Structure formats: C-alpha cells, structure tokens
Amino acid sequence: MAIKTEPKVCVGVITGAHGVRGQVRVKSFTTEPADIAAYGPLSDADGKQEFSLELTGVAKGVLLARIQGVSDRDAAEALRGVELFVERNAFPETDEEEFYHADLVGLDAFLADGSRYGAVRALHDFGAGDVIEITVVAGGTVVLPFTQAVVPEIDIEAGHITIAPPTEIEVRDDGGTDE
C-alpha cells in the first residue's frame, strides 16, 4: 500500500550566490517575501534536500539568506535554480471564499450542464484582477476572469469547479472556444 504524502507548494527559488561566504539570493513567491523563512525547513522538489533559511537582507528585489552547511560561493552557486517547497499543511487555513492557488490547480472544470470542460492549469494576477487558465478537453487553453460569475462553484473536496464562460466566449460542442 502506498503512503499518501502531503502535497508540496513551491514558495520560492534560489536565484544564485551573493558574495563569497556562501549566501544565496532567493526569490520568494509568498505574499510577504520574508514569510518564506517562517515555514521552517524547506525542501527541494523531491524532498531529498532540506534548507533552513536565515534571512540576512534584501537586494534588488530578492532576499539574501544563509543556508546551514553552505559556506562558500561555489556551494551557493551550485544551488542556483533550486525550487524551495513547503508542505501544504504548513499554511494557515483560508477564510470562506478564499483559496490558495495550489489548491485550485489541477481541479477538473465542468460546465453548468455537467459536461467536462477541462482542468485548472494556473491562476494569474496581471494587476487588473485574477484570471484562471483552463486546459480545455478538446485541446489548447482558455483564460477566463476568476470571478464569482464565471466560476460560480468551487468544491475542493470533490476536486472540481464549475465554469460559466462569459457570453463573449462561445463554447463549441467539442469543448473548445471561439473568442
């Protein structure tokens, strides 16, 4: 029997070395960048390496940090590109009608009539409001406003959302769209 593991969420990435004493530059994906260090030890994607960050400053939009066991520039540079993960259960609970992107990505998307539309690929915020990207069953992707009107139902427990595409987007019988 397989052991179910808690899903992991990428909260940042090491972008390179800083200085000669082993510090690294870290791009944080958390709302408050410094919160990346508040979740305790982080791991790489497969969980084989663990990293405890000690934040030391900020420079040019990234955090500066020390990682235990990394003491020179070569060791720090070897970590460039390593994504930093935390278990999903480390995050605080959300309020009603509030969701973590990581909880939505991968959910099945259905139309109001129950037909399968696709799956949630990503959520984006380009400044004018969130949008949801759906990989459509018939192929390709569609980007829709992430609003109550367009996504009237989200059921994380059941693993799906309901989509009501705006009237400007015609849903074809094959599941694709004509914009």
N, C-alpha and C. Protein backbone atom coordinates (compact mmCIF):
# COMPACT_ATOMS: atom_id res chain seq x y z
N MET A 1 0.85 -1.17 0.00
CA MET A 1 0.00 0.00 0.00
C MET A 1 0.90 1.24 0.00
N ALA A 2 0.59 2.19 -0.86
CA ALA A 2 1.37 3.42 -0.97
C ALA A 2 1.00 4.36 0.17
N ILE A 3 2.00 5.04 0.67
CA ILE A 3 1.78 6.02 1.73
C ILE A 3 1.45 7.35 1.06
N LYS A 4 0.32 7.95 1.47
CA LYS A 4 -0.07 9.22 0.90
C LYS A 4 0.77 10.32 1.53
N THR A 5 1.39 11.13 0.69
CA THR A 5 2.20 12.22 1.21
C THR A 5 1.46 13.53 1.02
N GLU A 6 1.72 14.46 1.91
CA GLU A 6 1.11 15.77 1.85
C GLU A 6 1.63 16.50 0.61
N PRO A 7 0.74 17.16 -0.15
CA PRO A 7 1.22 17.90 -1.31
C PRO A 7 2.15 19.03 -0.90
N LYS A 8 3.08 19.34 -1.78
CA LYS A 8 4.03 20.41 -1.51
C LYS A 8 3.74 21.59 -2.41
N VAL A 9 4.09 22.77 -1.93
CA VAL A 9 3.86 24.01 -2.66
C VAL A 9 5.19 24.73 -2.80
N CYS A 10 5.49 25.18 -4.02
CA CYS A 10 6.72 25.94 -4.25
C CYS A 10 6.53 27.35 -3.72
N VAL A 11 7.39 27.75 -2.78
CA VAL A 11 7.29 29.07 -2.18
C VAL A 11 8.44 29.99 -2.57
N GLY A 12 9.38 29.49 -3.36
CA GLY A 12 10.49 30.34 -3.79
C GLY A 12 11.51 29.55 -4.59
N VAL A 13 12.53 30.28 -5.02
CA VAL A 13 13.60 29.66 -5.80
C VAL A 13 14.92 30.37 -5.47
N ILE A 14 15.98 29.60 -5.42
CA ILE A 14 17.32 30.18 -5.21
C ILE A 14 17.79 30.67 -6.57
N THR A 15 18.10 31.97 -6.65
CA THR A 15 18.47 32.55 -7.95
C THR A 15 19.97 32.66 -8.15
N GLY A 16 20.77 32.40 -7.11
CA GLY A 16 22.21 32.42 -7.27
C GLY A 16 22.92 32.75 -5.97
N ALA A 17 24.23 32.92 -6.10
CA ALA A 17 25.08 33.23 -4.94
C ALA A 17 25.11 34.73 -4.71
N HIS A 18 25.41 35.11 -3.48
CA HIS A 18 25.61 36.51 -3.12
C HIS A 18 26.88 36.59 -2.28
N GLY A 19 27.89 37.21 -2.82
CA GLY A 19 29.16 37.32 -2.09
C GLY A 19 29.97 36.05 -2.15
N VAL A 20 31.00 36.00 -1.30
CA VAL A 20 31.92 34.87 -1.33
C VAL A 20 31.79 33.95 -0.11
N ARG A 21 30.89 34.28 0.82
CA ARG A 21 30.77 33.50 2.06
C ARG A 21 29.58 32.55 2.07
N GLY A 22 29.04 32.23 0.91
CA GLY A 22 28.00 31.21 0.85
C GLY A 22 26.57 31.70 0.94
N GLN A 23 26.36 33.00 0.96
CA GLN A 23 24.98 33.49 0.98
C GLN A 23 24.33 33.25 -0.39
N VAL A 24 23.00 33.15 -0.38
CA VAL A 24 22.26 32.95 -1.63
C VAL A 24 21.23 34.07 -1.79
N ARG A 25 20.82 34.27 -3.06
CA ARG A 25 19.71 35.15 -3.39
C ARG A 25 18.49 34.27 -3.56
N VAL A 26 17.37 34.67 -2.98
CA VAL A 26 16.14 33.87 -3.02
C VAL A 26 14.99 34.74 -3.51
N LYS A 27 14.31 34.29 -4.54
CA LYS A 27 13.08 34.94 -4.99
C LYS A 27 11.94 34.23 -4.28
N SER A 28 11.20 35.00 -3.46
CA SER A 28 10.11 34.44 -2.68
C SER A 28 8.80 34.60 -3.44
N PHE A 29 7.95 33.58 -3.38
CA PHE A 29 6.63 33.62 -4.01
C PHE A 29 5.52 33.84 -2.98
N THR A 30 5.89 34.09 -1.73
CA THR A 30 4.89 34.32 -0.69
C THR A 30 4.43 35.77 -0.74
N THR A 31 3.22 36.04 -0.23
CA THR A 31 2.66 37.39 -0.26
C THR A 31 3.61 38.38 0.39
N GLU A 32 4.07 38.05 1.56
CA GLU A 32 5.12 38.83 2.24
C GLU A 32 6.41 38.05 2.02
N PRO A 33 7.34 38.56 1.22
CA PRO A 33 8.53 37.79 0.85
C PRO A 33 9.27 37.14 2.03
N ALA A 34 9.41 37.85 3.13
CA ALA A 34 10.17 37.31 4.27
C ALA A 34 9.47 36.11 4.92
N ASP A 35 8.19 35.92 4.65
CA ASP A 35 7.46 34.79 5.24
C ASP A 35 8.01 33.44 4.78
N ILE A 36 8.78 33.43 3.72
CA ILE A 36 9.34 32.18 3.23
C ILE A 36 10.15 31.47 4.31
N ALA A 37 10.77 32.24 5.19
CA ALA A 37 11.59 31.65 6.25
C ALA A 37 10.77 31.24 7.47
N ALA A 38 9.49 31.61 7.51
CA ALA A 38 8.66 31.34 8.67
C ALA A 38 8.05 29.94 8.67
N TYR A 39 8.15 29.23 7.56
CA TYR A 39 7.53 27.91 7.45
C TYR A 39 8.42 26.79 7.96
N GLY A 40 9.59 27.13 8.48
CA GLY A 40 10.51 26.10 8.94
C GLY A 40 11.36 25.61 7.79
N PRO A 41 11.95 24.44 7.94
CA PRO A 41 12.80 23.94 6.86
C PRO A 41 12.03 23.76 5.56
N LEU A 42 12.66 24.16 4.48
CA LEU A 42 12.11 24.00 3.14
C LEU A 42 12.82 22.82 2.50
N SER A 43 12.25 22.29 1.42
CA SER A 43 12.91 21.18 0.75
C SER A 43 12.95 21.44 -0.75
N ASP A 44 13.74 20.62 -1.44
CA ASP A 44 13.72 20.68 -2.90
C ASP A 44 12.49 19.90 -3.37
N ALA A 45 12.28 19.84 -4.68
CA ALA A 45 11.06 19.26 -5.25
C ALA A 45 10.82 17.81 -4.82
N ASP A 46 11.87 17.02 -4.75
CA ASP A 46 11.66 15.61 -4.40
C ASP A 46 11.84 15.32 -2.91
N GLY A 47 12.12 16.36 -2.14
CA GLY A 47 12.24 16.21 -0.69
C GLY A 47 13.53 15.62 -0.20
N LYS A 48 14.52 15.47 -1.08
CA LYS A 48 15.79 14.84 -0.69
C LYS A 48 16.72 15.81 0.03
N GLN A 49 16.60 17.11 -0.27
CA GLN A 49 17.43 18.11 0.40
C GLN A 49 16.54 19.01 1.22
N GLU A 50 17.03 19.41 2.40
CA GLU A 50 16.30 20.31 3.26
C GLU A 50 17.13 21.57 3.46
N PHE A 51 16.44 22.71 3.53
CA PHE A 51 17.12 24.00 3.65
C PHE A 51 16.48 24.83 4.75
N SER A 52 17.30 25.27 5.70
CA SER A 52 16.85 26.22 6.72
C SER A 52 17.41 27.57 6.34
N LEU A 53 16.52 28.51 6.05
CA LEU A 53 16.96 29.84 5.63
C LEU A 53 17.10 30.76 6.82
N GLU A 54 18.21 31.50 6.85
CA GLU A 54 18.39 32.59 7.81
C GLU A 54 18.50 33.85 6.95
N LEU A 55 17.44 34.66 6.97
CA LEU A 55 17.43 35.85 6.14
C LEU A 55 18.43 36.87 6.67
N THR A 56 19.18 37.47 5.73
CA THR A 56 20.20 38.46 6.13
C THR A 56 19.99 39.82 5.50
N GLY A 57 19.08 39.93 4.54
CA GLY A 57 18.83 41.22 3.92
C GLY A 57 18.02 41.10 2.64
N VAL A 58 17.95 42.24 1.95
CA VAL A 58 17.22 42.33 0.69
C VAL A 58 18.11 43.07 -0.30
N ALA A 59 18.10 42.65 -1.56
CA ALA A 59 18.88 43.33 -2.60
C ALA A 59 18.20 43.14 -3.95
N LYS A 60 17.89 44.24 -4.60
CA LYS A 60 17.35 44.20 -5.97
C LYS A 60 16.18 43.24 -6.12
N GLY A 61 15.22 43.32 -5.21
CA GLY A 61 14.01 42.53 -5.33
C GLY A 61 14.09 41.08 -4.89
N VAL A 62 15.22 40.65 -4.34
CA VAL A 62 15.34 39.28 -3.83
C VAL A 62 15.79 39.32 -2.37
N LEU A 63 15.56 38.23 -1.69
CA LEU A 63 16.04 38.10 -0.32
C LEU A 63 17.45 37.55 -0.32
N LEU A 64 18.22 37.94 0.66
CA LEU A 64 19.55 37.38 0.87
C LEU A 64 19.45 36.46 2.07
N ALA A 65 20.08 35.29 1.98
CA ALA A 65 19.95 34.32 3.06
C ALA A 65 21.20 33.46 3.18
N ARG A 66 21.36 32.94 4.40
CA ARG A 66 22.36 31.91 4.66
C ARG A 66 21.61 30.59 4.77
N ILE A 67 22.26 29.54 4.29
CA ILE A 67 21.71 28.19 4.41
C ILE A 67 22.74 27.37 5.18
N GLN A 68 22.27 26.71 6.21
CA GLN A 68 23.15 25.88 7.03
C GLN A 68 23.91 24.90 6.13
N GLY A 69 25.24 24.84 6.30
CA GLY A 69 26.07 23.92 5.55
C GLY A 69 26.63 24.49 4.25
N VAL A 70 26.19 25.67 3.88
CA VAL A 70 26.68 26.33 2.66
C VAL A 70 27.59 27.47 3.10
N SER A 71 28.90 27.32 2.84
CA SER A 71 29.84 28.29 3.40
C SER A 71 30.73 28.99 2.38
N ASP A 72 30.57 28.66 1.09
CA ASP A 72 31.38 29.38 0.11
C ASP A 72 30.56 29.64 -1.16
N ARG A 73 31.08 30.49 -2.01
CA ARG A 73 30.37 30.90 -3.21
C ARG A 73 30.07 29.71 -4.14
N ASP A 74 31.00 28.80 -4.29
CA ASP A 74 30.78 27.66 -5.18
C ASP A 74 29.59 26.81 -4.71
N ALA A 75 29.51 26.56 -3.42
CA ALA A 75 28.40 25.77 -2.88
C ALA A 75 27.08 26.52 -3.06
N ALA A 76 27.11 27.83 -2.85
CA ALA A 76 25.91 28.64 -3.03
C ALA A 76 25.49 28.66 -4.50
N GLU A 77 26.44 28.83 -5.38
CA GLU A 77 26.14 28.88 -6.82
C GLU A 77 25.60 27.54 -7.32
N ALA A 78 26.02 26.44 -6.71
CA ALA A 78 25.53 25.12 -7.11
C ALA A 78 24.03 24.96 -6.82
N LEU A 79 23.49 25.81 -5.97
CA LEU A 79 22.06 25.74 -5.63
C LEU A 79 21.19 26.60 -6.55
N ARG A 80 21.81 27.32 -7.48
CA ARG A 80 21.05 28.18 -8.40
C ARG A 80 19.97 27.35 -9.09
N GLY A 81 18.75 27.89 -9.08
CA GLY A 81 17.62 27.23 -9.74
C GLY A 81 16.87 26.23 -8.88
N VAL A 82 17.35 25.95 -7.68
CA VAL A 82 16.64 25.01 -6.81
C VAL A 82 15.36 25.67 -6.31
N GLU A 83 14.23 25.01 -6.60
CA GLU A 83 12.95 25.50 -6.10
C GLU A 83 12.78 25.04 -4.66
N LEU A 84 12.19 25.91 -3.85
CA LEU A 84 12.02 25.65 -2.43
C LEU A 84 10.55 25.35 -2.13
N PHE A 85 10.32 24.21 -1.49
CA PHE A 85 8.96 23.74 -1.25
C PHE A 85 8.67 23.62 0.24
N VAL A 86 7.38 23.73 0.56
CA VAL A 86 6.89 23.50 1.91
C VAL A 86 5.62 22.65 1.78
N GLU A 87 5.35 21.85 2.79
CA GLU A 87 4.13 21.04 2.75
C GLU A 87 2.92 21.95 2.84
N ARG A 88 1.88 21.62 2.09
CA ARG A 88 0.67 22.44 2.02
C ARG A 88 0.06 22.66 3.40
N ASN A 89 0.14 21.68 4.28
CA ASN A 89 -0.48 21.82 5.60
C ASN A 89 0.24 22.83 6.50
N ALA A 90 1.36 23.39 6.06
CA ALA A 90 2.06 24.41 6.83
C ALA A 90 1.38 25.78 6.71
N PHE A 91 0.52 25.94 5.71
CA PHE A 91 -0.16 27.22 5.51
C PHE A 91 -1.33 27.37 6.46
N PRO A 92 -1.66 28.61 6.83
CA PRO A 92 -2.85 28.82 7.67
C PRO A 92 -4.12 28.48 6.89
N GLU A 93 -5.16 28.13 7.61
CA GLU A 93 -6.45 27.86 6.97
C GLU A 93 -6.95 29.12 6.29
N THR A 94 -7.71 28.94 5.22
CA THR A 94 -8.26 30.08 4.49
C THR A 94 -9.66 30.41 5.02
N ASP A 95 -10.09 31.63 4.76
CA ASP A 95 -11.45 32.03 5.09
C ASP A 95 -12.38 31.48 4.02
N GLU A 96 -13.69 31.55 4.29
CA GLU A 96 -14.66 31.14 3.29
C GLU A 96 -14.50 32.02 2.06
N GLU A 97 -14.63 31.43 0.89
CA GLU A 97 -14.48 32.14 -0.39
C GLU A 97 -13.05 32.64 -0.62
N GLU A 98 -12.08 32.02 0.06
CA GLU A 98 -10.67 32.35 -0.11
C GLU A 98 -9.94 31.03 -0.40
N PHE A 99 -9.01 31.07 -1.37
CA PHE A 99 -8.37 29.83 -1.79
C PHE A 99 -6.90 30.07 -2.04
N TYR A 100 -6.09 29.05 -1.81
CA TYR A 100 -4.71 29.07 -2.26
C TYR A 100 -4.69 28.59 -3.70
N HIS A 101 -3.89 29.23 -4.53
CA HIS A 101 -3.77 28.81 -5.92
C HIS A 101 -3.42 27.33 -6.00
N ALA A 102 -2.55 26.88 -5.13
CA ALA A 102 -2.11 25.48 -5.16
C ALA A 102 -3.27 24.51 -4.94
N ASP A 103 -4.32 24.96 -4.25
CA ASP A 103 -5.48 24.08 -4.01
C ASP A 103 -6.36 23.98 -5.25
N LEU A 104 -6.28 24.97 -6.14
CA LEU A 104 -7.14 25.01 -7.32
C LEU A 104 -6.51 24.36 -8.54
N VAL A 105 -5.19 24.48 -8.67
CA VAL A 105 -4.51 23.93 -9.84
C VAL A 105 -4.70 22.42 -9.87
N GLY A 106 -5.14 21.93 -11.02
CA GLY A 106 -5.38 20.51 -11.20
C GLY A 106 -6.83 20.10 -11.03
N LEU A 107 -7.68 20.98 -10.47
CA LEU A 107 -9.08 20.62 -10.31
C LEU A 107 -9.75 20.47 -11.68
N ASP A 108 -10.68 19.54 -11.79
CA ASP A 108 -11.47 19.40 -13.01
C ASP A 108 -12.42 20.58 -13.13
N ALA A 109 -12.67 21.01 -14.36
CA ALA A 109 -13.59 22.10 -14.63
C ALA A 109 -14.77 21.56 -15.43
N PHE A 110 -15.98 21.84 -14.95
CA PHE A 110 -17.20 21.40 -15.61
C PHE A 110 -18.05 22.61 -15.97
N LEU A 111 -18.85 22.47 -17.01
CA LEU A 111 -19.85 23.48 -17.34
C LEU A 111 -21.08 23.23 -16.47
N ALA A 112 -21.99 24.19 -16.43
CA ALA A 112 -23.17 24.07 -15.59
C ALA A 112 -24.02 22.85 -15.94
N ASP A 113 -23.97 22.40 -17.21
CA ASP A 113 -24.76 21.23 -17.61
C ASP A 113 -24.09 19.90 -17.22
N GLY A 114 -22.94 19.98 -16.56
CA GLY A 114 -22.24 18.79 -16.09
C GLY A 114 -21.21 18.23 -17.05
N SER A 115 -21.10 18.82 -18.24
CA SER A 115 -20.10 18.31 -19.19
C SER A 115 -18.70 18.80 -18.78
N ARG A 116 -17.74 17.93 -18.97
CA ARG A 116 -16.36 18.26 -18.59
C ARG A 116 -15.79 19.28 -19.57
N TYR A 117 -15.26 20.34 -19.03
CA TYR A 117 -14.70 21.44 -19.82
C TYR A 117 -13.18 21.33 -19.92
N GLY A 118 -12.54 20.89 -18.83
CA GLY A 118 -11.08 20.78 -18.81
C GLY A 118 -10.57 20.68 -17.40
N ALA A 119 -9.40 21.29 -17.16
CA ALA A 119 -8.79 21.27 -15.83
C ALA A 119 -8.07 22.59 -15.59
N VAL A 120 -8.04 23.01 -14.34
CA VAL A 120 -7.37 24.25 -13.97
C VAL A 120 -5.87 24.07 -14.15
N ARG A 121 -5.30 24.93 -14.97
CA ARG A 121 -3.86 24.87 -15.23
C ARG A 121 -3.09 25.85 -14.34
N ALA A 122 -3.66 27.07 -14.16
CA ALA A 122 -2.96 28.09 -13.38
C ALA A 122 -3.91 29.22 -13.05
N LEU A 123 -3.50 30.05 -12.12
CA LEU A 123 -4.17 31.31 -11.84
C LEU A 123 -3.12 32.40 -11.96
N HIS A 124 -3.54 33.54 -12.48
CA HIS A 124 -2.61 34.64 -12.69
C HIS A 124 -3.24 35.94 -12.20
N ASP A 125 -2.41 36.86 -11.76
CA ASP A 125 -2.85 38.20 -11.42
C ASP A 125 -1.95 39.17 -12.15
N PHE A 126 -2.50 39.78 -13.20
CA PHE A 126 -1.73 40.73 -14.00
C PHE A 126 -2.04 42.16 -13.60
N GLY A 127 -2.67 42.36 -12.43
CA GLY A 127 -2.93 43.70 -11.93
C GLY A 127 -4.36 44.16 -12.07
N ALA A 128 -5.10 43.62 -13.01
CA ALA A 128 -6.49 44.04 -13.21
C ALA A 128 -7.47 43.02 -12.64
N GLY A 129 -7.00 42.11 -11.85
CA GLY A 129 -7.84 41.06 -11.28
C GLY A 129 -7.32 39.69 -11.67
N ASP A 130 -7.67 38.71 -10.88
CA ASP A 130 -7.21 37.35 -11.13
C ASP A 130 -7.88 36.76 -12.36
N VAL A 131 -7.14 35.93 -13.07
CA VAL A 131 -7.68 35.15 -14.18
C VAL A 131 -7.33 33.69 -13.93
N ILE A 132 -8.18 32.81 -14.47
CA ILE A 132 -7.97 31.38 -14.32
C ILE A 132 -7.69 30.79 -15.70
N GLU A 133 -6.65 29.99 -15.78
CA GLU A 133 -6.28 29.36 -17.05
C GLU A 133 -6.73 27.91 -17.00
N ILE A 134 -7.50 27.53 -18.01
CA ILE A 134 -8.06 26.18 -18.08
C ILE A 134 -7.47 25.46 -19.29
N THR A 135 -6.97 24.24 -19.09
CA THR A 135 -6.60 23.38 -20.21
C THR A 135 -7.89 22.71 -20.65
N VAL A 136 -8.31 23.01 -21.88
CA VAL A 136 -9.61 22.56 -22.39
C VAL A 136 -9.50 21.12 -22.89
N VAL A 137 -10.55 20.33 -22.67
CA VAL A 137 -10.59 18.92 -23.06
C VAL A 137 -10.25 18.74 -24.53
N ALA A 138 -10.77 19.62 -25.39
CA ALA A 138 -10.56 19.48 -26.83
C ALA A 138 -9.17 19.92 -27.27
N GLY A 139 -8.40 20.44 -26.37
CA GLY A 139 -7.05 20.90 -26.69
C GLY A 139 -6.92 22.39 -26.54
N GLY A 140 -5.74 22.83 -26.21
CA GLY A 140 -5.49 24.26 -26.02
C GLY A 140 -5.87 24.72 -24.62
N THR A 141 -5.79 26.01 -24.43
CA THR A 141 -6.13 26.60 -23.14
C THR A 141 -7.01 27.82 -23.37
N VAL A 142 -7.72 28.19 -22.33
CA VAL A 142 -8.52 29.40 -22.33
C VAL A 142 -8.27 30.11 -21.00
N VAL A 143 -8.23 31.43 -21.05
CA VAL A 143 -8.04 32.24 -19.85
C VAL A 143 -9.32 33.01 -19.61
N LEU A 144 -9.88 32.85 -18.41
CA LEU A 144 -11.15 33.48 -18.06
C LEU A 144 -10.99 34.32 -16.80
N PRO A 145 -11.85 35.31 -16.62
CA PRO A 145 -11.81 36.07 -15.36
C PRO A 145 -12.11 35.13 -14.19
N PHE A 146 -11.38 35.27 -13.12
CA PHE A 146 -11.63 34.44 -11.93
C PHE A 146 -12.57 35.23 -11.03
N THR A 147 -13.85 35.20 -11.40
CA THR A 147 -14.89 35.92 -10.68
C THR A 147 -15.99 34.95 -10.27
N GLN A 148 -16.83 35.38 -9.36
CA GLN A 148 -17.97 34.56 -8.91
C GLN A 148 -18.90 34.25 -10.08
N ALA A 149 -19.05 35.19 -11.01
CA ALA A 149 -19.95 34.98 -12.15
C ALA A 149 -19.42 33.90 -13.10
N VAL A 150 -18.11 33.87 -13.32
CA VAL A 150 -17.52 32.92 -14.27
C VAL A 150 -17.18 31.59 -13.60
N VAL A 151 -16.83 31.63 -12.32
CA VAL A 151 -16.54 30.41 -11.56
C VAL A 151 -17.48 30.40 -10.35
N PRO A 152 -18.76 30.03 -10.59
CA PRO A 152 -19.75 30.13 -9.52
C PRO A 152 -19.62 29.07 -8.43
N GLU A 153 -18.92 27.97 -8.71
CA GLU A 153 -18.81 26.92 -7.70
C GLU A 153 -17.40 26.36 -7.67
N ILE A 154 -16.86 26.28 -6.46
CA ILE A 154 -15.55 25.68 -6.23
C ILE A 154 -15.73 24.65 -5.13
N ASP A 155 -15.42 23.40 -5.45
CA ASP A 155 -15.54 22.33 -4.47
C ASP A 155 -14.21 21.58 -4.41
N ILE A 156 -13.34 22.07 -3.55
CA ILE A 156 -12.00 21.50 -3.44
C ILE A 156 -12.08 20.05 -2.97
N GLU A 157 -12.96 19.78 -2.02
CA GLU A 157 -13.11 18.41 -1.50
C GLU A 157 -13.48 17.42 -2.61
N ALA A 158 -14.39 17.84 -3.51
CA ALA A 158 -14.83 16.96 -4.60
C ALA A 158 -13.87 17.01 -5.79
N GLY A 159 -12.97 18.01 -5.79
CA GLY A 159 -11.96 18.08 -6.84
C GLY A 159 -12.42 18.71 -8.14
N HIS A 160 -13.38 19.66 -8.05
CA HIS A 160 -13.83 20.30 -9.29
C HIS A 160 -14.34 21.72 -9.07
N ILE A 161 -14.43 22.43 -10.18
CA ILE A 161 -15.05 23.75 -10.21
C ILE A 161 -16.09 23.74 -11.32
N THR A 162 -17.02 24.68 -11.23
CA THR A 162 -18.00 24.88 -12.29
C THR A 162 -17.65 26.18 -13.00
N ILE A 163 -17.66 26.13 -14.33
CA ILE A 163 -17.33 27.29 -15.17
C ILE A 163 -18.58 27.75 -15.90
N ALA A 164 -18.82 29.06 -15.91
CA ALA A 164 -19.88 29.67 -16.70
C ALA A 164 -19.21 30.70 -17.59
N PRO A 165 -18.70 30.26 -18.75
CA PRO A 165 -17.95 31.19 -19.61
C PRO A 165 -18.78 32.42 -19.96
N PRO A 166 -18.14 33.59 -20.03
CA PRO A 166 -18.87 34.79 -20.43
C PRO A 166 -19.50 34.60 -21.80
N THR A 167 -20.57 35.33 -22.06
CA THR A 167 -21.27 35.19 -23.34
C THR A 167 -20.38 35.57 -24.52
N GLU A 168 -19.33 36.34 -24.28
CA GLU A 168 -18.40 36.70 -25.35
C GLU A 168 -17.59 35.51 -25.82
N ILE A 169 -17.59 34.43 -25.05
CA ILE A 169 -16.86 33.22 -25.41
C ILE A 169 -17.87 32.14 -25.72
N GLU A 170 -17.87 31.68 -26.94
CA GLU A 170 -18.79 30.63 -27.35
C GLU A 170 -18.14 29.28 -27.08
N VAL A 171 -18.83 28.42 -26.37
CA VAL A 171 -18.32 27.08 -26.10
C VAL A 171 -18.83 26.16 -27.20
N ARG A 172 -17.91 25.56 -27.94
CA ARG A 172 -18.27 24.66 -29.03
C ARG A 172 -18.62 23.28 -28.46
N ASP A 173 -19.28 22.48 -29.28
CA ASP A 173 -19.63 21.12 -28.87
C ASP A 173 -18.41 20.27 -28.56
N ASP A 174 -17.26 20.58 -29.19
CA ASP A 174 -16.06 19.80 -28.96
C ASP A 174 -15.29 20.25 -27.72
N GLY A 175 -15.85 21.21 -26.97
CA GLY A 175 -15.19 21.68 -25.73
C GLY A 175 -14.26 22.84 -25.93
N GLY A 176 -13.96 23.22 -27.18
CA GLY A 176 -13.08 24.35 -27.45
C GLY A 176 -13.85 25.66 -27.38
N THR A 177 -13.18 26.75 -27.67
CA THR A 177 -13.83 28.06 -27.60
C THR A 177 -13.57 28.85 -28.86
N ASP A 178 -14.49 29.72 -29.18
CA ASP A 178 -14.32 30.70 -30.23
C ASP A 178 -14.44 32.06 -29.58
N GLU A 179 -13.36 32.82 -29.58
CA GLU A 179 -13.41 34.13 -28.93
C GLU A 179 -13.62 35.19 -29.97
